[in-house]
C-alpha atoms as a PDB file:
ATOM      1  CA  MET A   1     118.253 -13.369  80.058  1.00  0.00           C
ATOM      2  CA  PRO A   2     120.750 -12.188  77.164  1.00  0.00           C
ATOM      3  CA  GLU A   3     120.601  -8.347  76.407  1.00  0.00           C
ATOM      4  CA  PRO A   4     119.735  -7.613  72.997  1.00  0.00           C
ATOM      5  CA  THR A   5     122.332  -6.929  70.302  1.00  0.00           C
ATOM      6  CA  ARG A   6     123.096  -4.060  67.759  1.00  0.00           C
ATOM      7  CA  SER A   7     121.782  -6.605  64.978  1.00  0.00           C
ATOM      8  CA  ASP A   8     118.685  -7.197  66.551  1.00  0.00           C
ATOM      9  CA  SER A   9     117.818  -3.788  66.920  1.00  0.00           C
ATOM     10  CA  LEU A  10     118.697  -2.903  63.606  1.00  0.00           C
ATOM     11  CA  THR A  11     116.527  -6.060  62.575  1.00  0.00           C
ATOM     12  CA  THR A  12     113.752  -4.739  64.395  1.00  0.00           C
ATOM     13  CA  GLN A  13     114.175  -1.033  63.116  1.00  0.00           C
ATOM     14  CA  LEU A  14     114.148  -2.493  59.301  1.00  0.00           C
ATOM     15  CA  ARG A  15     111.237  -4.471  60.183  1.00  0.00           C
ATOM     16  CA  GLU A  16     109.508  -1.628  61.448  1.00  0.00           C
ATOM     17  CA  LEU A  17     110.504   0.194  58.289  1.00  0.00           C
ATOM     18  CA  ASP A  18     109.475  -2.216  56.155  1.00  0.00           C
ATOM     19  CA  SER A  19     106.080  -2.245  57.943  1.00  0.00           C
ATOM     20  CA  LEU A  20     105.757   1.436  57.727  1.00  0.00           C
ATOM     21  CA  GLN A  21     106.749   1.062  54.210  1.00  0.00           C
ATOM     22  CA  GLU A  22     104.115  -1.789  53.403  1.00  0.00           C
ATOM     23  CA  THR A  23     101.574   0.722  55.474  1.00  0.00           C
ATOM     24  CA  ARG A  24     102.451   3.831  53.450  1.00  0.00           C
ATOM     25  CA  VAL A  25     102.063   1.829  50.140  1.00  0.00           C
ATOM     26  CA  ARG A  26      98.984   0.176  50.634  1.00  0.00           C
ATOM     27  CA  GLU A  27      97.238   3.972  51.780  1.00  0.00           C
ATOM     28  CA  GLU A  28      98.597   5.168  49.039  1.00  0.00           C
ATOM     29  CA  GLU A  29      97.307   2.514  46.790  1.00  0.00           C
ATOM     30  CA  GLU A  30      93.716   2.762  48.678  1.00  0.00           C
ATOM     31  CA  ALA A  31      93.647   6.368  47.896  1.00  0.00           C
ATOM     32  CA  ARG A  32      94.694   5.911  44.339  1.00  0.00           C
ATOM     33  CA  ILE A  33      91.868   3.676  44.031  1.00  0.00           C
ATOM     34  CA  ARG A  34      89.714   5.916  45.765  1.00  0.00           C
ATOM     35  CA  ALA A  35      91.014   8.876  43.671  1.00  0.00           C
ATOM     36  CA  ALA A  36      90.175   6.672  40.393  1.00  0.00           C
ATOM     37  CA  GLU A  37      86.616   5.885  41.790  1.00  0.00           C
ATOM     38  CA  GLU A  38      85.769   9.294  42.573  1.00  0.00           C
ATOM     39  CA  ALA A  39      87.126  10.624  39.064  1.00  0.00           C
ATOM     40  CA  ARG A  40      85.387   7.520  37.362  1.00  0.00           C
ATOM     41  CA  ARG A  41      81.872   8.464  39.349  1.00  0.00           C
ATOM     42  CA  ARG A  42      82.644  12.467  38.708  1.00  0.00           C
ATOM     43  CA  GLU A  43      82.834  11.475  34.785  1.00  0.00           C
ATOM     44  CA  GLU A  44      80.111   9.345  34.982  1.00  0.00           C
ATOM     45  CA  ASP A  45      77.936  11.774  36.594  1.00  0.00           C
ATOM     46  CA  ALA A  46      79.013  14.747  33.815  1.00  0.00           C
ATOM     47  CA  THR A  47      78.144  12.175  31.283  1.00  0.00           C
ATOM     48  CA  GLN A  48      74.893  11.724  33.079  1.00  0.00           C
ATOM     49  CA  ARG A  49      73.883  15.588  33.154  1.00  0.00           C
ATOM     50  CA  ARG A  50      75.400  16.014  29.427  1.00  0.00           C
ATOM     51  CA  LEU A  51      73.088  13.359  28.688  1.00  0.00           C
ATOM     52  CA  GLU A  52      69.928  14.401  30.529  1.00  0.00           C
ATOM     53  CA  GLN A  53      70.985  18.205  29.231  1.00  0.00           C
ATOM     54  CA  GLU A  54      70.713  16.825  25.585  1.00  0.00           C
ATOM     55  CA  GLU A  55      67.516  15.193  26.058  1.00  0.00           C
ATOM     56  CA  ALA A  56      65.956  18.220  27.979  1.00  0.00           C
ATOM     57  CA  SER A  57      67.282  20.256  25.040  1.00  0.00           C
ATOM     58  CA  ARG A  58      65.829  17.870  22.448  1.00  0.00           C
ATOM     59  CA  ARG A  59      62.502  17.930  24.269  1.00  0.00           C
ATOM     60  CA  ALA A  60      62.351  21.769  24.274  1.00  0.00           C
ATOM     61  CA  GLU A  61      63.070  22.193  20.757  1.00  0.00           C
ATOM     62  CA  GLU A  62      60.708  19.456  20.286  1.00  0.00           C
ATOM     63  CA  GLU A  63      57.832  21.121  22.408  1.00  0.00           C
ATOM     64  CA  ALA A  64      58.658  24.443  20.521  1.00  0.00           C
ATOM     65  CA  ARG A  65      58.372  23.047  17.324  1.00  0.00           C
ATOM     66  CA  LEU A  66      54.880  21.328  18.233  1.00  0.00           C
ATOM     67  CA  ALA A  67      53.763  24.838  20.038  1.00  0.00           C
ATOM     68  CA  GLU A  68      54.629  26.399  16.906  1.00  0.00           C
ATOM     69  CA  GLU A  69      52.783  23.921  14.674  1.00  0.00           C
ATOM     70  CA  GLU A  70      50.012  24.130  16.836  1.00  0.00           C
ATOM     71  CA  ALA A  71      49.980  28.109  16.752  1.00  0.00           C
ATOM     72  CA  HIS A  72      49.971  27.793  13.220  1.00  0.00           C
ATOM     73  CA  ARG A  73      47.127  25.594  12.758  1.00  0.00           C
ATOM     74  CA  GLU A  74      44.951  27.267  15.563  1.00  0.00           C
ATOM     75  CA  GLU A  75      45.898  30.686  13.651  1.00  0.00           C
ATOM     76  CA  GLU A  76      44.717  29.082  10.306  1.00  0.00           C
ATOM     77  CA  ALA A  77      41.606  27.773  11.957  1.00  0.00           C
ATOM     78  CA  ARG A  78      40.614  31.036  13.367  1.00  0.00           C
ATOM     79  CA  ARG A  79      41.388  32.752  10.039  1.00  0.00           C
ATOM     80  CA  LEU A  80      38.644  30.053   8.602  1.00  0.00           C
ATOM     81  CA  GLN A  81      36.147  30.792  11.394  1.00  0.00           C
ATOM     82  CA  VAL A  82      36.630  34.312  10.824  1.00  0.00           C
ATOM     83  CA  GLU A  83      36.239  33.818   6.925  1.00  0.00           C
ATOM     84  CA  LYS A  84      32.816  31.581   7.599  1.00  0.00           C
ATOM     85  CA  ASP A  85      31.411  33.851  10.299  1.00  0.00           C
ATOM     86  CA  ALA A  86      31.683  36.984   7.790  1.00  0.00           C
ATOM     87  CA  GLU A  87      30.100  34.960   5.361  1.00  0.00           C
ATOM     88  CA  LEU A  88      27.389  33.608   7.573  1.00  0.00           C
ATOM     89  CA  ARG A  89      26.796  37.395   8.890  1.00  0.00           C
ATOM     90  CA  VAL A  90      26.283  38.347   5.114  1.00  0.00           C
ATOM     91  CA  GLN A  91      24.341  35.422   4.461  1.00  0.00           C
ATOM     92  CA  LEU A  92      21.946  35.944   7.646  1.00  0.00           C
ATOM     93  CA  GLN A  93      21.678  39.741   6.510  1.00  0.00           C
ATOM     94  CA  GLU A  94      20.648  39.476   3.184  1.00  0.00           C
ATOM     95  CA  GLU A  95      18.089  36.401   4.357  1.00  0.00           C
ATOM     96  CA  ALA A  96      16.883  39.183   7.250  1.00  0.00           C
ATOM     97  CA  LYS A  97      16.843  41.963   4.315  1.00  0.00           C
ATOM     98  CA  ALA A  98      14.751  39.300   2.004  1.00  0.00           C
ATOM     99  CA  ARG A  99      12.533  38.389   4.563  1.00  0.00           C
ATOM    100  CA  ALA A 100      11.641  41.774   5.711  1.00  0.00           C
ATOM    101  CA  ALA A 101      11.127  42.532   2.208  1.00  0.00           C
ATOM    102  CA  GLU A 102       8.878  39.829   1.624  1.00  0.00           C
ATOM    103  CA  GLN A 103       6.838  40.596   4.908  1.00  0.00           C
ATOM    104  CA  GLU A 104       6.522  44.352   3.400  1.00  0.00           C
ATOM    105  CA  ARG A 105       5.602  43.131   0.183  1.00  0.00           C
ATOM    106  CA  LEU A 106       2.851  40.838   1.782  1.00  0.00           C
ATOM    107  CA  LEU A 107       1.667  43.281   4.124  1.00  0.00           C
ATOM    108  CA  ALA A 108       1.423  45.784   0.913  1.00  0.00           C
ATOM    109  CA  HIS A 109      -0.392  43.094  -1.095  1.00  0.00           C
ATOM    110  CA  GLU A 110      -2.585  42.272   2.203  1.00  0.00           C
ATOM    111  CA  ARG A 111      -3.638  46.095   1.892  1.00  0.00           C
ATOM    112  CA  GLU A 112      -4.076  46.493  -1.459  1.00  0.00           C
ATOM    113  CA  MET A 113      -6.539  43.414  -1.620  1.00  0.00           C
ATOM    114  CA  ALA A 114      -8.196  44.273   1.480  1.00  0.00           C
ATOM    115  CA  ALA A 115      -8.554  48.058   0.169  1.00  0.00           C
ATOM    116  CA  ILE A 116     -10.206  46.218  -3.432  1.00  0.00           C
ATOM    117  CA  GLN A 117     -12.531  44.360  -1.301  1.00  0.00           C
ATOM    118  CA  THR A 118     -13.768  47.143   0.805  1.00  0.00           C
ATOM    119  CA  VAL A 119     -14.340  49.159  -2.383  1.00  0.00           C
ATOM    120  CA  GLU A 120     -16.011  46.002  -4.117  1.00  0.00           C
ATOM    121  CA  LYS A 121     -18.179  45.650  -1.028  1.00  0.00           C
ATOM    122  CA  ARG A 122     -19.060  49.066  -0.585  1.00  0.00           C
ATOM    123  CA  LYS A 123     -20.004  48.730  -4.512  1.00  0.00           C
ATOM    124  CA  ILE A 124     -22.139  45.893  -4.115  1.00  0.00           C
ATOM    125  CA  ARG A 125     -23.659  47.491  -0.979  1.00  0.00           C
ATOM    126  CA  ALA A 126     -24.400  50.387  -2.818  1.00  0.00           C
ATOM    127  CA  ARG A 127     -25.966  48.582  -5.669  1.00  0.00           C
ATOM    128  CA  ARG A 128     -28.149  46.841  -3.364  1.00  0.00           C
ATOM    129  CA  ILE A 129     -29.203  50.269  -1.406  1.00  0.00           C
ATOM    130  CA  VAL A 130     -30.118  51.506  -4.497  1.00  0.00           C
ATOM    131  CA  ILE A 131     -31.947  48.698  -6.002  1.00  0.00           C
ATOM    132  CA  ALA A 132     -33.858  48.446  -2.546  1.00  0.00           C
ATOM    133  CA  GLY A 133     -34.594  51.957  -2.577  1.00  0.00           C
ATOM    134  CA  LEU A 134     -35.587  52.015  -6.180  1.00  0.00           C
ATOM    135  CA  ALA A 135     -37.936  49.313  -5.300  1.00  0.00           C
ATOM    136  CA  LEU A 136     -39.391  50.818  -2.431  1.00  0.00           C
ATOM    137  CA  LEU A 137     -39.885  54.126  -4.602  1.00  0.00           C
ATOM    138  CA  PHE A 138     -41.592  51.994  -7.090  1.00  0.00           C
ATOM    139  CA  ILE A 139     -43.280  49.962  -4.743  1.00  0.00           C
ATOM    140  CA  GLY A 140     -44.420  53.455  -2.470  1.00  0.00           C
ATOM    141  CA  GLY A 141     -45.106  55.230  -5.700  1.00  0.00           C
ATOM    142  CA  THR A 142     -47.224  52.324  -7.157  1.00  0.00           C
ATOM    143  CA  ALA A 143     -48.967  52.130  -3.720  1.00  0.00           C
ATOM    144  CA  GLY A 144     -49.651  55.954  -3.424  1.00  0.00           C
ATOM    145  CA  TYR A 145     -50.679  55.951  -6.755  1.00  0.00           C
ATOM    146  CA  VAL A 146     -52.960  53.093  -6.423  1.00  0.00           C
ATOM    147  CA  PHE A 147     -54.159  53.575  -3.058  1.00  0.00           C
ATOM    148  CA  GLY A 148     -52.601  56.698  -1.674  1.00  0.00           C
ATOM    149  CA  VAL A 149     -50.951  55.626   1.439  1.00  0.00           C
ATOM    150  CA  LYS A 150     -48.571  57.659   3.260  1.00  0.00           C
ATOM    151  CA  PRO A 151     -45.395  58.437   0.929  1.00  0.00           C
ATOM    152  CA  ALA A 152     -43.965  60.683   3.041  1.00  0.00           C
ATOM    153  CA  LEU A 153     -43.614  57.722   5.690  1.00  0.00           C
ATOM    154  CA  GLU A 154     -42.073  55.288   3.385  1.00  0.00           C
ATOM    155  CA  ASN A 155     -39.048  58.021   2.312  1.00  0.00           C
ATOM    156  CA  LYS A 156     -38.499  58.517   5.830  1.00  0.00           C
ATOM    157  CA  ALA A 157     -38.119  54.727   6.010  1.00  0.00           C
ATOM    158  CA  LEU A 158     -36.026  54.700   2.987  1.00  0.00           C
ATOM    159  CA  GLU A 159     -33.503  57.052   4.458  1.00  0.00           C
ATOM    160  CA  ALA A 160     -32.938  55.446   7.730  1.00  0.00           C
ATOM    161  CA  GLU A 161     -32.084  52.159   6.354  1.00  0.00           C
ATOM    162  CA  ARG A 162     -29.656  54.010   3.872  1.00  0.00           C
ATOM    163  CA  ALA A 163     -28.147  55.509   7.271  1.00  0.00           C
ATOM    164  CA  ARG A 164     -28.205  52.430   8.997  1.00  0.00           C
ATOM    165  CA  GLN A 165     -26.330  50.365   6.267  1.00  0.00           C
ATOM    166  CA  ALA A 166     -24.092  53.380   5.466  1.00  0.00           C
ATOM    167  CA  GLN A 167     -23.334  53.296   9.592  1.00  0.00           C
ATOM    168  CA  GLN A 168     -22.813  49.427   9.201  1.00  0.00           C
ATOM    169  CA  LEU A 169     -20.271  50.000   6.466  1.00  0.00           C
ATOM    170  CA  ALA A 170     -18.546  52.545   8.384  1.00  0.00           C
ATOM    171  CA  VAL A 171     -18.193  50.303  11.702  1.00  0.00           C
ATOM    172  CA  GLU A 172     -17.016  47.004   9.513  1.00  0.00           C
ATOM    173  CA  ASP A 173     -14.257  49.509   7.484  1.00  0.00           C
ATOM    174  CA  LYS A 174     -12.876  50.372  10.782  1.00  0.00           C
ATOM    175  CA  GLU A 175     -12.694  46.816  12.229  1.00  0.00           C
ATOM    176  CA  ARG A 176     -10.907  45.556   9.469  1.00  0.00           C
ATOM    177  CA  ALA A 177      -8.541  48.666   9.489  1.00  0.00           C
ATOM    178  CA  GLN A 178      -7.969  47.658  13.309  1.00  0.00           C
ATOM    179  CA  GLU A 179      -7.475  44.095  12.188  1.00  0.00           C
ATOM    180  CA  GLY A 180      -4.745  44.853   9.518  1.00  0.00           C
ATOM    181  CA  LEU A 181      -3.130  47.431  12.054  1.00  0.00           C
ATOM    182  CA  VAL A 182      -2.640  44.561  14.754  1.00  0.00           C
ATOM    183  CA  ASP A 183      -1.529  42.175  12.231  1.00  0.00           C
ATOM    184  CA  ALA A 184       1.211  44.921  10.683  1.00  0.00           C
ATOM    185  CA  GLN A 185       2.420  45.556  14.373  1.00  0.00           C
ATOM    186  CA  ARG A 186       2.555  41.689  14.915  1.00  0.00           C
ATOM    187  CA  ARG A 187       4.911  41.179  11.690  1.00  0.00           C
ATOM    188  CA  ALA A 188       7.006  43.971  12.865  1.00  0.00           C
ATOM    189  CA  GLU A 189       7.789  42.547  16.434  1.00  0.00           C
ATOM    190  CA  GLU A 190       8.459  39.346  14.573  1.00  0.00           C
ATOM    191  CA  ALA A 191      10.888  41.098  12.548  1.00  0.00           C
ATOM    192  CA  GLU A 192      12.586  42.830  15.497  1.00  0.00           C
ATOM    193  CA  GLN A 193      12.737  39.344  17.120  1.00  0.00           C
ATOM    194  CA  ALA A 194      14.529  37.789  14.388  1.00  0.00           C
ATOM    195  CA  LYS A 195      16.933  40.691  14.150  1.00  0.00           C
ATOM    196  CA  ALA A 196      17.375  40.613  18.328  1.00  0.00           C
ATOM    197  CA  GLN A 197      18.022  37.093  17.974  1.00  0.00           C
ATOM    198  CA  PHE A 198      20.676  37.602  15.033  1.00  0.00           C
ATOM    199  CA  GLU A 199      22.593  40.112  16.813  1.00  0.00           C
ATOM    200  CA  GLN A 200      23.024  37.777  19.996  1.00  0.00           C
ATOM    201  CA  THR A 201      24.140  34.946  17.646  1.00  0.00           C
ATOM    202  CA  LEU A 202      26.836  37.536  16.353  1.00  0.00           C
ATOM    203  CA  GLU A 203      27.834  38.375  19.570  1.00  0.00           C
ATOM    204  CA  ALA A 204      28.341  35.169  21.392  1.00  0.00           C
ATOM    205  CA  ARG A 205      30.395  33.846  18.347  1.00  0.00           C
ATOM    206  CA  GLU A 206      32.824  36.953  18.388  1.00  0.00           C
ATOM    207  CA  GLN A 207      32.917  36.512  22.485  1.00  0.00           C
ATOM    208  CA  ARG A 208      33.525  32.833  21.738  1.00  0.00           C
ATOM    209  CA  GLN A 209      36.601  34.038  18.954  1.00  0.00           C
ATOM    210  CA  LYS A 210      38.105  36.348  21.548  1.00  0.00           C
ATOM    211  CA  GLU A 211      38.273  33.905  24.490  1.00  0.00           C
ATOM    212  CA  ARG A 212      39.987  31.343  21.887  1.00  0.00           C
ATOM    213  CA  GLU A 213      42.638  33.830  20.941  1.00  0.00           C
ATOM    214  CA  ALA A 214      43.214  34.862  24.582  1.00  0.00           C
ATOM    215  CA  ARG A 215      44.319  31.233  25.331  1.00  0.00           C
ATOM    216  CA  GLN A 216      46.241  30.763  22.449  1.00  0.00           C
ATOM    217  CA  LYS A 217      48.203  33.913  23.691  1.00  0.00           C
ATOM    218  CA  GLU A 218      48.393  32.348  27.209  1.00  0.00           C
ATOM    219  CA  ARG A 219      49.538  29.425  25.889  1.00  0.00           C
ATOM    220  CA  ALA A 220      52.276  31.044  23.760  1.00  0.00           C
ATOM    221  CA  LYS A 221      53.607  32.995  26.766  1.00  0.00           C
ATOM    222  CA  ALA A 222      54.063  29.769  28.812  1.00  0.00           C
ATOM    223  CA  GLY A 223      55.626  28.006  25.945  1.00  0.00           C
ATOM    224  CA  SER A 224      58.276  30.862  25.642  1.00  0.00           C
ATOM    225  CA  LYS A 225      58.958  31.072  29.337  1.00  0.00           C
ATOM    226  CA  GLN A 226      59.689  27.735  29.779  1.00  0.00           C
ATOM    227  CA  SER A 227      61.859  27.109  26.775  1.00  0.00           C
ATOM    228  CA  SER A 228      63.746  30.139  27.806  1.00  0.00           C
ATOM    229  CA  GLY A 229      64.278  28.700  31.221  1.00  0.00           C
ATOM    230  CA  ARG A 230      65.496  25.381  29.896  1.00  0.00           C
ATOM    231  CA  LYS A 231      67.945  27.166  27.278  1.00  0.00           C
ATOM    232  CA  LYS A 232      69.115  29.213  30.434  1.00  0.00           C
ATOM    233  CA  ALA A 233      69.885  25.703  32.652  1.00  0.00           C
ATOM    234  CA  GLU A 234      71.796  24.315  29.684  1.00  0.00           C
ATOM    235  CA  THR A 235      74.260  27.081  29.907  1.00  0.00           C
ATOM    236  CA  CYS A 236      75.943  25.780  33.150  1.00  0.00           C
ATOM    237  CA  ALA A 237      78.764  23.758  33.221  1.00  0.00           C
ATOM    238  CA  PRO A 238      78.427  20.212  34.325  1.00  0.00           C
ATOM    239  CA  ASP A 239      80.192  20.443  37.629  1.00  0.00           C
ATOM    240  CA  ASP A 240      79.018  24.113  38.398  1.00  0.00           C
ATOM    241  CA  PRO A 241      77.448  23.625  42.068  1.00  0.00           C
ATOM    242  CA  LEU A 242      76.210  26.745  41.700  1.00  0.00           C
ATOM    243  CA  CYS A 243      73.966  26.211  38.506  1.00  0.00           C
ATOM    244  CA  GLY A 244      70.269  27.433  38.347  1.00  0.00           C
ATOM    245  CA  LEU A 245      70.928  29.574  41.489  1.00  0.00           C
ATOM    246  CA  LYS A 246      69.750  33.482  41.141  1.00  0.00           C
ATOM    247  CA  LEU A 247      73.036  35.455  42.427  1.00  0.00           C
ATOM    248  CA  ASP A 248      72.753  39.389  43.060  1.00  0.00           C
END
């Protein structure tokens, strides 16, 4: 077998160099392609993050605007409700005063009518007693004058009848006074119940108003915290791996 010549050795070395060159060129091309792909991917990621941040910022601004509008609407509704409550409170107070005044007027009228009726009844009964007494006296006098029948006993009977009738009048007056007192107490209790119900209604409305104001403040605080957190996230660089982390 013939030994390789010097030219064959050079040819082999050239082929090896060409192969190495091709390999290096191919590796460089593959590296360039990978670098370009990586750069394109980073650019796409940065673009996507930028778009997401812009969308988040837009949503945050829109939410803040809507929250502010809602707060204004709720504040206006609260102001109107306070005005309505105040008007209703004044109206209820005036109605309660009017009812109390009307009840007092009716009570006074009833007392006056009862007093008038009592006086009239007393006058009628007094007239009846006087007429009966005169009749008895006339009859007694006539009988005594004509027949001489025990005028002293007839006088005692007349006095007893007068005493009985006077006692009956006193009992009836006392019963009417007690009935008037019971009716006045009942009316006073009804007025107190109406006043207590009115105060409970006002307290319930004020409690609901306080609860609405507390909820409005909580929503406003939550919206403020969320908006400030989003604005803080928007200040990070697109390719900052430490974005959003709290560093001491």
